[in-house]
Amino acid sequence: MNHTTTAAAPGTEPARPASWLGQLDRGERRTLAASFGGYAVDSFDYYTLPLVTPILLSLWGISKTEVGLIGTATLVSSALGGWLAGILADRYGRVRILQLTILVFAVFTFACGLAQTPGQLMLARALQGLGFGGEWAVGSVLIAEAIRAEHRGKAVGLVQSSWAIGWGAAVLVSVALFSWLPPETSWRVMFMLGLVPAVLVLFIRRSIKDPEVYLQTRREVKAGRRGGHFMDIFKPRILGRTVLASLMFTGMQGGYYAISVWLPTFLKNERHLTVLGSGGYQAMFIVGAFTGYLTGAWLSDRLGRRAAFMLFALAAGSLVVAYTLLPITDSTMLLLGFPLGFFMSGIFSGAGAFLAELFPNEIRGSGQGFCYNFGRGIGSTFPALVGLLSDKMHFSLATAIGLCAGTAYALVVIAAFVLPETRGRDLRQN
């Protein structure tokens, strides 16, 4: 079949594709695909621990506090990894450091499956966290710089939606493994599958390059026309936004982790659901999350970054209280899983674009890596706090989750209200 192109009439512009994805050039699409894949496998590897937690509680006889500490160790190290990766990405390039972070989290996720004691698992999981945190920090900067301004929020949000894809894949694989293999084997195989994402590095090496805005900035830094030291994010003119953004992401991630780390255990041990039954509830939650990521991306471009953050935080905080603290039936809980996943996950859709727009080009990776991962580091204490409240203060797991998550989302609303709006900012002039 022959394809012909009709020239636009004089004085008119050629028709643009209806979908914003169709308006992206080849380089933008490849960068989008690489970032999408990287974050999806990041999610798969992260959710392995929450999904195998009920098995470890039974096989190893460890306490919920110990499990919370393993989860917290992962998130603390991921905060460090994200900050370091952001600094390295400013100096050595987005693509090179992205490949390194994917290899790190893939190798050490596999190593988790070889652990013989809780201490060994914590060490392997902490090392995995270095790559886990670094991948998001570098990937979100890369996609924000590679995609034109009018589609930046939607593109970063689409990449964020891959978190739900990886999460869903992890749940499906876990249901299959836990049904077919004995417990002492299934949890190890689940971790060892984490090595598969290393294949993505081959695609990245062959297909994508550093964005021109980054390359131009590096030329200006080397010529002495720009600064570029990572400590510049603490200079007086930048410090206010660094502090407020760090607090906002502390709330976002503290609320998210308080729920996500403990949700499988809550459904199984307090709601007394089977593995298959729990999988159904998580499926509703995950479908809501995927829809929330895409909708949040659109709203972040439509309403602005701040308004979207506040809207999603208010809704997520209200829903998590209902989900965990109100005397609702299993059927109601199933239905509430969709909106809870929608708002709890969709709040992150504008995160990468917002942070990229908030900081100057020469310290974008450093600023984004620090704020998001400071939030991750402090937010990572929330799973341990939930376990501590449940074990030591004798709160029910549901009550501990609801209190921690509700407080976290209130912090998001306050910080987002004070921060500046950045929607549509041209990074070439930033």
Protein backbone atom coordinates (compact mmCIF):
# COMPACT_ATOMS: atom_id res chain seq x y z
CA MET A 1 0.00 0.00 0.00
CA ASN A 2 1.36 3.43 -0.91
CA HIS A 3 1.37 6.17 1.71
CA THR A 4 1.31 9.76 0.53
CA THR A 5 1.72 12.95 2.51
CA THR A 6 -0.46 15.90 1.65
CA ALA A 7 1.20 19.25 2.11
CA ALA A 8 -0.58 21.74 4.32
CA ALA A 9 -2.31 24.62 2.59
CA PRO A 10 -0.36 27.88 2.55
CA GLY A 11 -0.79 29.78 5.80
CA THR A 12 -1.88 26.71 7.76
CA GLU A 13 -0.02 24.31 10.04
CA PRO A 14 0.16 20.55 9.39
CA ALA A 15 -2.33 18.53 11.41
CA ARG A 16 -0.86 17.23 14.65
CA PRO A 17 -1.42 13.66 15.86
CA ALA A 18 -4.39 13.41 18.23
CA SER A 19 -2.35 11.64 20.91
CA TRP A 20 0.48 13.43 22.67
CA LEU A 21 2.50 10.22 22.33
CA GLY A 22 2.22 10.54 18.56
CA GLN A 23 3.80 13.98 18.76
CA LEU A 24 7.02 12.66 20.31
CA ASP A 25 10.06 12.14 18.11
CA ARG A 26 12.03 8.90 17.97
CA GLY A 27 14.51 9.89 20.65
CA GLU A 28 11.76 10.97 23.04
CA ARG A 29 9.88 7.70 22.54
CA ARG A 30 12.98 5.57 23.16
CA THR A 31 13.83 7.49 26.31
CA LEU A 32 10.22 7.11 27.47
CA ALA A 33 10.34 3.34 26.83
CA ALA A 34 13.63 2.90 28.69
CA SER A 35 12.47 4.91 31.69
CA PHE A 36 9.11 3.09 31.74
CA GLY A 37 10.81 -0.31 31.72
CA GLY A 38 13.36 0.66 34.34
CA TYR A 39 10.77 1.86 36.80
CA ALA A 40 8.52 -1.17 36.23
CA VAL A 41 11.28 -3.62 37.14
CA ASP A 42 12.25 -1.36 40.05
CA SER A 43 8.70 -1.81 41.35
CA PHE A 44 8.73 -5.59 40.83
CA ASP A 45 11.90 -5.92 42.87
CA TYR A 46 10.68 -3.59 45.61
CA TYR A 47 7.38 -5.42 46.16
CA THR A 48 9.04 -8.78 46.54
CA LEU A 49 9.72 -8.18 50.25
CA PRO A 50 6.16 -7.13 51.24
CA LEU A 51 4.76 -10.11 49.32
CA VAL A 52 7.03 -12.68 50.98
CA THR A 53 6.70 -11.13 54.46
CA PRO A 54 3.88 -13.48 55.63
CA ILE A 55 6.08 -16.48 54.67
CA LEU A 56 9.13 -15.09 56.49
CA LEU A 57 7.05 -14.41 59.61
CA SER A 58 6.12 -18.08 59.62
CA LEU A 59 9.37 -19.75 58.50
CA TRP A 60 11.86 -17.65 60.43
CA GLY A 61 9.67 -16.71 63.38
CA ILE A 62 10.75 -13.08 63.21
CA SER A 63 8.66 -10.25 64.66
CA LYS A 64 6.80 -7.54 62.78
CA THR A 65 9.29 -5.04 64.20
CA GLU A 66 12.17 -6.96 62.56
CA VAL A 67 10.32 -7.04 59.23
CA GLY A 68 9.69 -3.32 59.53
CA LEU A 69 13.39 -2.74 60.15
CA ILE A 70 14.34 -4.71 57.03
CA GLY A 71 11.89 -2.59 55.02
CA THR A 72 13.22 0.57 56.60
CA ALA A 73 16.87 -0.42 55.93
CA THR A 74 15.98 -0.82 52.25
CA LEU A 75 14.38 2.60 52.08
CA VAL A 76 17.14 4.36 54.03
CA SER A 77 19.79 2.94 51.70
CA SER A 78 17.61 3.81 48.70
CA ALA A 79 17.53 7.40 49.94
CA LEU A 80 21.32 7.44 50.04
CA GLY A 81 21.48 5.74 46.64
CA GLY A 82 19.08 8.26 45.12
CA TRP A 83 21.04 11.23 46.39
CA LEU A 84 24.38 9.81 45.25
CA ALA A 85 22.97 8.83 41.86
CA GLY A 86 21.60 12.34 41.36
CA ILE A 87 25.01 13.85 42.10
CA LEU A 88 26.77 11.37 39.79
CA ALA A 89 24.19 11.93 37.03
CA ASP A 90 24.94 15.67 37.08
CA ARG A 91 28.64 14.92 36.69
CA TYR A 92 28.87 11.78 34.52
CA GLY A 93 25.63 11.73 32.55
CA ARG A 94 22.06 10.52 32.96
CA VAL A 95 22.26 7.42 30.76
CA ARG A 96 25.51 6.01 32.17
CA ILE A 97 24.35 6.25 35.80
CA LEU A 98 20.89 4.89 34.94
CA GLN A 99 22.52 1.70 33.63
CA LEU A 100 24.62 1.38 36.79
CA THR A 101 21.61 1.72 39.12
CA ILE A 102 19.63 -0.96 37.26
CA LEU A 103 22.53 -3.42 37.50
CA VAL A 104 22.93 -2.77 41.23
CA PHE A 105 19.31 -3.39 42.18
CA ALA A 106 19.03 -6.44 39.91
CA VAL A 107 22.11 -8.17 41.30
CA PHE A 108 21.31 -7.57 44.96
CA THR A 109 17.64 -8.49 44.60
CA PHE A 110 18.91 -11.87 43.40
CA ALA A 111 21.26 -11.98 46.40
CA CYS A 112 18.27 -11.58 48.75
CA GLY A 113 17.09 -15.01 47.62
CA LEU A 114 20.32 -16.55 48.93
CA ALA A 115 19.97 -15.14 52.46
CA GLN A 116 20.03 -17.65 55.33
CA THR A 117 19.29 -15.27 58.22
CA PRO A 118 17.33 -12.04 58.77
CA GLY A 119 20.65 -10.19 59.08
CA GLN A 120 21.85 -11.42 55.70
CA LEU A 121 18.53 -10.48 54.13
CA MET A 122 18.73 -6.99 55.62
CA LEU A 123 22.25 -6.50 54.23
CA ALA A 124 21.35 -7.70 50.72
CA ARG A 125 18.15 -5.67 50.78
CA ALA A 126 20.01 -2.54 51.88
CA LEU A 127 22.50 -2.92 49.01
CA GLN A 128 19.60 -3.48 46.62
CA GLY A 129 18.14 -0.22 47.90
CA LEU A 130 21.14 1.75 46.62
CA GLY A 131 20.18 0.89 43.05
CA PHE A 132 16.45 1.06 43.70
CA GLY A 133 16.66 4.65 44.91
CA GLY A 134 19.15 5.68 42.27
CA GLU A 135 17.07 4.41 39.35
CA TRP A 136 14.14 6.72 40.04
CA ALA A 137 16.33 9.73 40.75
CA VAL A 138 18.20 9.42 37.45
CA GLY A 139 15.34 8.12 35.31
CA SER A 140 12.95 10.92 36.28
CA VAL A 141 15.55 13.60 35.51
CA LEU A 142 16.31 11.94 32.19
CA ILE A 143 12.68 11.80 31.07
CA ALA A 144 11.94 15.34 32.29
CA GLU A 145 14.85 16.74 30.27
CA ALA A 146 14.19 14.63 27.18
CA ILE A 147 10.46 15.45 26.74
CA ARG A 148 9.19 18.84 25.60
CA ALA A 149 7.59 21.09 28.23
CA GLU A 150 3.93 20.74 27.16
CA HIS A 151 4.07 16.95 27.59
CA ARG A 152 6.54 16.72 30.48
CA GLY A 153 3.99 16.08 33.21
CA LYS A 154 2.15 13.44 31.19
CA ALA A 155 5.38 11.69 30.20
CA VAL A 156 6.77 11.57 33.73
CA GLY A 157 3.35 10.41 34.94
CA LEU A 158 3.26 7.66 32.35
CA VAL A 159 6.65 6.46 33.53
CA GLN A 160 5.34 6.60 37.10
CA SER A 161 2.40 4.39 36.05
CA SER A 162 4.86 1.60 35.28
CA TRP A 163 5.21 1.23 39.05
CA ALA A 164 1.71 -0.29 39.04
CA ILE A 165 2.69 -2.57 36.15
CA GLY A 166 5.68 -3.91 38.07
CA TRP A 167 3.61 -4.19 41.23
CA GLY A 168 0.87 -6.10 39.43
CA ALA A 169 3.41 -8.43 37.84
CA ALA A 170 4.95 -9.10 41.26
CA VAL A 171 1.55 -9.98 42.74
CA LEU A 172 0.70 -12.31 39.84
CA VAL A 173 4.06 -14.06 40.02
CA SER A 174 3.82 -14.39 43.80
CA VAL A 175 0.34 -15.94 43.61
CA ALA A 176 1.64 -18.49 41.10
CA LEU A 177 4.83 -19.29 43.00
CA PHE A 178 3.14 -19.49 46.41
CA SER A 179 0.53 -21.85 44.97
CA TRP A 180 2.92 -24.14 43.08
CA LEU A 181 6.06 -24.23 45.25
CA PRO A 182 6.59 -24.96 48.95
CA PRO A 183 7.03 -21.82 51.10
CA GLU A 184 10.71 -22.43 51.84
CA THR A 185 11.43 -22.38 48.07
CA SER A 186 8.88 -19.93 46.66
CA TRP A 187 10.14 -16.83 48.47
CA ARG A 188 13.72 -17.47 47.31
CA VAL A 189 12.66 -17.89 43.67
CA MET A 190 10.66 -14.67 43.95
CA PHE A 191 13.78 -12.73 44.87
CA MET A 192 16.00 -14.49 42.31
CA LEU A 193 13.73 -13.38 39.47
CA GLY A 194 14.99 -9.89 40.25
CA LEU A 195 18.07 -10.57 38.13
CA VAL A 196 16.01 -10.49 34.91
CA PRO A 197 15.85 -6.65 34.68
CA ALA A 198 19.60 -6.52 34.00
CA VAL A 199 18.71 -7.27 30.36
CA LEU A 200 17.20 -3.77 30.13
CA VAL A 201 20.68 -2.29 30.34
CA LEU A 202 21.45 -3.68 26.86
CA PHE A 203 18.53 -1.73 25.39
CA ILE A 204 19.56 1.45 27.16
CA ARG A 205 23.17 1.17 25.95
CA ARG A 206 22.06 0.87 22.32
CA SER A 207 19.06 3.17 22.15
CA ILE A 208 19.24 6.38 24.18
CA LYS A 209 21.61 9.28 24.73
CA ASP A 210 21.88 12.10 27.24
CA PRO A 211 19.47 15.01 26.52
CA GLU A 212 20.86 18.08 24.79
CA VAL A 213 19.84 20.34 27.69
CA TYR A 214 22.13 18.30 29.95
CA LEU A 215 25.03 18.28 27.46
CA GLN A 216 24.78 22.05 26.96
CA THR A 217 24.75 22.63 30.71
CA ARG A 218 27.87 20.50 31.17
CA ARG A 219 29.64 22.55 28.49
CA GLU A 220 28.73 25.73 30.36
CA VAL A 221 29.90 24.28 33.69
CA LYS A 222 33.26 23.29 32.19
CA ALA A 223 33.60 26.75 30.65
CA GLY A 224 32.98 28.34 34.05
CA ARG A 225 29.71 30.04 33.06
CA ARG A 226 27.70 27.98 35.57
CA GLY A 227 28.34 26.51 39.00
CA GLY A 228 27.40 22.92 39.54
CA HIS A 229 28.53 21.80 43.00
CA PHE A 230 25.93 19.55 44.62
CA MET A 231 26.01 21.63 47.84
CA ASP A 232 24.55 24.56 45.89
CA ILE A 233 21.07 23.22 46.72
CA PHE A 234 21.68 24.54 50.27
CA LYS A 235 22.58 28.08 49.22
CA PRO A 236 20.21 30.76 50.61
CA ARG A 237 18.35 31.36 47.33
CA ILE A 238 17.67 27.62 46.89
CA LEU A 239 17.46 26.43 50.51
CA GLY A 240 13.78 27.25 51.07
CA ARG A 241 12.55 25.17 48.16
CA THR A 242 14.96 22.34 49.10
CA VAL A 243 13.55 22.15 52.63
CA LEU A 244 9.87 22.42 51.64
CA ALA A 245 10.17 19.90 48.80
CA SER A 246 11.97 17.49 51.14
CA LEU A 247 9.14 17.77 53.68
CA MET A 248 6.49 17.28 51.02
CA PHE A 249 8.11 14.11 49.73
CA THR A 250 8.58 12.87 53.29
CA GLY A 251 4.80 12.99 53.65
CA MET A 252 4.13 11.41 50.27
CA GLN A 253 6.45 8.51 50.81
CA GLY A 254 5.79 8.05 54.49
CA GLY A 255 2.09 7.60 53.77
CA TYR A 256 2.74 5.36 50.80
CA TYR A 257 5.21 3.06 52.56
CA ALA A 258 3.13 2.80 55.73
CA ILE A 259 0.39 1.28 53.58
CA SER A 260 2.24 -0.65 50.89
CA VAL A 261 4.79 -2.42 53.11
CA TRP A 262 2.11 -3.72 55.48
CA LEU A 263 -0.90 -4.20 53.17
CA PRO A 264 -0.31 -7.91 52.33
CA THR A 265 0.22 -8.74 56.03
CA PHE A 266 -2.82 -6.68 57.07
CA LEU A 267 -5.05 -8.48 54.58
CA LYS A 268 -3.78 -11.93 55.56
CA ASN A 269 -3.34 -11.65 59.33
CA GLU A 270 -6.05 -9.16 60.36
CA ARG A 271 -8.64 -9.66 57.61
CA HIS A 272 -7.81 -13.41 57.46
CA LEU A 273 -7.76 -13.61 53.67
CA THR A 274 -6.09 -16.47 51.79
CA VAL A 275 -3.20 -15.86 49.38
CA LEU A 276 -5.64 -15.91 46.45
CA GLY A 277 -8.17 -13.75 48.28
CA SER A 278 -5.50 -11.25 49.28
CA GLY A 279 -4.33 -11.17 45.66
CA GLY A 280 -7.82 -10.10 44.57
CA TYR A 281 -7.86 -7.18 46.99
CA GLN A 282 -4.38 -6.14 45.92
CA ALA A 283 -5.44 -6.37 42.27
CA MET A 284 -8.18 -3.80 42.89
CA PHE A 285 -5.63 -1.59 44.63
CA ILE A 286 -3.16 -1.94 41.75
CA VAL A 287 -5.72 -1.17 39.02
CA GLY A 288 -6.61 1.95 40.97
CA ALA A 289 -2.92 2.85 41.21
CA PHE A 290 -2.35 2.51 37.46
CA THR A 291 -5.39 4.65 36.69
CA GLY A 292 -4.32 7.17 39.31
CA TYR A 293 -0.85 7.55 37.82
CA LEU A 294 -2.25 8.35 34.39
CA THR A 295 -4.96 10.67 35.70
CA GLY A 296 -2.57 12.39 38.08
CA ALA A 297 -0.18 13.03 35.19
CA TRP A 298 -2.93 14.69 33.17
CA LEU A 299 -4.13 16.75 36.16
CA SER A 300 -0.62 17.86 36.98
CA ASP A 301 -0.36 19.43 33.52
CA ARG A 302 -3.96 20.67 33.62
CA LEU A 303 -4.36 22.04 37.18
CA GLY A 304 -0.72 22.63 38.05
CA ARG A 305 1.67 20.64 40.22
CA ARG A 306 0.68 22.08 43.63
CA ALA A 307 -3.08 21.77 43.22
CA ALA A 308 -2.75 18.16 42.07
CA PHE A 309 -0.54 17.29 45.06
CA MET A 310 -2.99 18.79 47.56
CA LEU A 311 -6.05 17.20 45.94
CA PHE A 312 -4.54 13.72 45.94
CA ALA A 313 -3.13 14.04 49.49
CA LEU A 314 -6.50 15.07 50.96
CA ALA A 315 -8.28 12.22 49.20
CA ALA A 316 -5.62 9.61 50.06
CA GLY A 317 -5.55 10.62 53.72
CA SER A 318 -9.33 10.39 54.03
CA LEU A 319 -9.48 7.03 52.28
CA VAL A 320 -6.71 5.35 54.26
CA VAL A 321 -8.51 6.27 57.49
CA ALA A 322 -11.69 4.68 56.13
CA TYR A 323 -9.84 1.63 54.82
CA THR A 324 -8.02 0.84 58.05
CA LEU A 325 -9.90 2.45 60.93
CA LEU A 326 -13.63 2.22 60.13
CA PRO A 327 -15.59 -1.01 60.74
CA ILE A 328 -16.19 -1.82 57.07
CA THR A 329 -17.06 -5.15 55.47
CA ASP A 330 -14.73 -7.09 53.19
CA SER A 331 -16.91 -6.11 50.21
CA THR A 332 -16.63 -2.41 51.03
CA MET A 333 -12.90 -2.83 51.54
CA LEU A 334 -12.63 -4.39 48.10
CA LEU A 335 -14.40 -1.41 46.53
CA LEU A 336 -12.38 1.14 48.50
CA GLY A 337 -9.16 -0.46 47.28
CA PHE A 338 -9.58 1.19 43.88
CA PRO A 339 -9.85 4.84 45.01
CA LEU A 340 -7.21 4.32 47.71
CA GLY A 341 -4.75 2.98 45.15
CA PHE A 342 -5.82 5.76 42.75
CA PHE A 343 -5.03 8.67 45.07
CA MET A 344 -2.17 7.14 47.05
CA SER A 345 -0.22 6.37 43.87
CA GLY A 346 -1.45 9.15 41.58
CA ILE A 347 0.00 11.77 43.90
CA PHE A 348 3.47 10.83 42.61
CA SER A 349 2.66 11.52 38.95
CA GLY A 350 3.78 15.13 39.03
CA ALA A 351 6.78 14.50 41.28
CA GLY A 352 9.51 14.08 38.68
CA ALA A 353 8.37 17.00 36.52
CA PHE A 354 7.94 19.27 39.56
CA LEU A 355 11.41 18.60 40.95
CA ALA A 356 13.02 18.95 37.52
CA GLU A 357 11.36 22.35 37.11
CA LEU A 358 12.18 23.46 40.67
CA PHE A 359 15.98 23.39 40.38
CA PRO A 360 18.47 25.02 37.96
CA ASN A 361 19.94 22.83 35.22
CA GLU A 362 23.42 22.48 36.73
CA ILE A 363 22.11 21.05 40.04
CA ARG A 364 18.91 19.38 38.83
CA GLY A 365 20.06 15.83 39.53
CA SER A 366 21.47 16.83 42.92
CA GLY A 367 18.34 18.72 43.95
CA GLN A 368 15.93 16.10 42.71
CA GLY A 369 17.98 13.28 44.17
CA PHE A 370 18.25 14.95 47.57
CA CYS A 371 14.64 16.11 48.06
CA TYR A 372 12.93 12.96 46.87
CA ASN A 373 15.33 10.72 48.71
CA PHE A 374 15.42 12.76 51.90
CA GLY A 375 11.68 12.18 51.84
CA ARG A 376 12.25 8.52 51.18
CA GLY A 377 14.77 8.25 54.01
CA ILE A 378 12.53 9.86 56.63
CA GLY A 379 9.42 8.28 55.12
CA SER A 380 11.15 4.92 55.35
CA THR A 381 10.86 5.06 59.12
CA PHE A 382 7.09 4.80 58.83
CA PRO A 383 7.01 1.01 58.19
CA ALA A 384 9.18 0.50 61.28
CA LEU A 385 6.95 2.90 63.22
CA VAL A 386 3.87 0.91 62.18
CA GLY A 387 5.53 -2.31 63.38
CA LEU A 388 6.62 -0.65 66.62
CA LEU A 389 3.14 0.72 67.37
CA SER A 390 1.68 -2.71 66.69
CA ASP A 391 4.24 -4.73 68.70
CA LYS A 392 5.11 -2.41 71.59
CA MET A 393 2.09 -0.12 71.94
CA HIS A 394 -0.38 -2.94 71.22
CA PHE A 395 -2.21 -1.00 68.52
CA SER A 396 -3.87 -3.11 65.88
CA LEU A 397 -1.97 -3.15 62.60
CA ALA A 398 -4.88 -1.29 60.97
CA THR A 399 -4.80 1.49 63.58
CA ALA A 400 -1.03 1.89 63.29
CA ILE A 401 -1.22 2.13 59.49
CA GLY A 402 -4.07 4.65 59.60
CA LEU A 403 -2.39 6.96 62.12
CA CYS A 404 0.98 7.01 60.36
CA ALA A 405 -0.40 7.46 56.85
CA GLY A 406 -2.97 10.10 57.83
CA THR A 407 -0.30 12.24 59.51
CA ALA A 408 1.98 11.91 56.49
CA TYR A 409 -0.61 13.15 54.00
CA ALA A 410 -1.40 16.18 56.17
CA LEU A 411 2.28 17.16 55.82
CA VAL A 412 1.99 16.98 52.01
CA VAL A 413 -0.91 19.45 51.97
CA ILE A 414 0.94 21.99 54.13
CA ALA A 415 4.21 21.87 52.15
CA ALA A 416 2.55 21.91 48.72
CA PHE A 417 0.52 24.98 49.70
CA VAL A 418 3.72 26.97 50.39
CA LEU A 419 5.87 25.80 47.45
CA PRO A 420 5.89 27.71 44.11
CA GLU A 421 4.06 26.53 41.00
CA THR A 422 6.41 25.33 38.22
CA ARG A 423 4.09 23.99 35.49
CA GLY A 424 5.30 24.67 31.95
CA ARG A 425 8.75 25.96 32.90
CA ASP A 426 11.24 25.85 30.00
CA LEU A 427 14.23 23.82 31.25
CA ARG A 428 16.49 25.35 28.61
CA GLN A 429 16.16 28.68 30.44
CA ASN A 430 16.22 27.23 33.95
